[in-house]
Amino acid sequence: MPLYKQILLGDIIVTILEFITGYIVNIQFGWGVWDYSHIPGSIMGQICPFFVLCGCRCV
């Protein structure tokens, strides 16, 4: 698999895991470990689109 596909796949996996973890820890448990809700385009305050794009541009 080409390197760019590996990076894209890894970024997708990490983003999904971040969302699941954030949903459980921050929303369900109410711990408030992180909150990206002030950033435009964030998903339920758990995923920052800027950081997702940064992960894809590391090559």
Protein backbone atom coordinates (compact mmCIF):
# COMPACT_ATOMS: atom_id res chain seq x y z
CA MET A 1 0.00 0.00 0.00
CA PRO A 2 1.45 3.41 -0.91
CA LEU A 3 2.58 5.63 1.95
CA TYR A 4 -0.06 8.32 1.31
CA LYS A 5 -2.83 5.70 1.61
CA GLN A 6 -1.34 4.41 4.87
CA ILE A 7 -1.27 7.94 6.25
CA LEU A 8 -4.85 8.63 5.17
CA LEU A 9 -6.07 5.35 6.66
CA GLY A 10 -4.23 6.00 9.91
CA ASP A 11 -5.68 9.50 10.10
CA ILE A 12 -9.20 8.16 9.58
CA ILE A 13 -8.74 5.49 12.25
CA VAL A 14 -7.32 7.96 14.78
CA THR A 15 -10.14 10.43 14.07
CA ILE A 16 -12.82 7.78 14.57
CA LEU A 17 -11.19 6.63 17.81
CA GLU A 18 -10.89 10.23 19.02
CA PHE A 19 -14.59 10.80 18.36
CA ILE A 20 -15.65 7.58 20.12
CA THR A 21 -13.39 8.28 23.10
CA GLY A 22 -14.51 11.91 23.29
CA TYR A 23 -18.15 10.94 23.11
CA ILE A 24 -17.78 8.46 25.96
CA VAL A 25 -15.41 10.47 28.16
CA ASN A 26 -16.62 14.02 27.54
CA ILE A 27 -20.31 13.64 26.75
CA GLN A 28 -21.44 10.46 28.50
CA PHE A 29 -19.23 10.72 31.60
CA GLY A 30 -19.12 14.54 31.56
CA TRP A 31 -15.40 14.72 32.33
CA GLY A 32 -14.73 17.54 29.85
CA VAL A 33 -11.23 16.43 28.94
CA TRP A 34 -11.34 18.35 25.63
CA ASP A 35 -13.84 20.52 23.82
CA TYR A 36 -13.42 21.71 20.24
CA SER A 37 -16.93 23.20 20.06
CA HIS A 38 -15.52 26.73 19.68
CA ILE A 39 -13.77 25.72 16.44
CA PRO A 40 -15.88 26.00 13.26
CA GLY A 41 -16.70 22.64 11.71
CA SER A 42 -16.11 20.59 14.84
CA ILE A 43 -18.29 17.51 15.25
CA MET A 44 -20.10 17.63 18.61
CA GLY A 45 -16.99 19.36 20.00
CA GLN A 46 -15.06 16.09 19.85
CA ILE A 47 -13.23 16.33 16.52
CA CYS A 48 -11.32 19.37 15.28
CA PRO A 49 -11.31 19.44 11.47
CA PHE A 50 -8.07 21.47 11.46
CA PHE A 51 -6.19 18.76 13.37
CA VAL A 52 -7.64 16.07 11.11
CA LEU A 53 -6.31 17.91 8.07
CA CYS A 54 -2.94 18.44 9.71
CA GLY A 55 -2.58 14.69 10.14
CA CYS A 56 -3.12 14.19 6.41
CA ARG A 57 -0.46 16.75 5.47
CA CYS A 58 2.44 15.28 7.41
CA VAL A 59 3.99 13.75 4.31
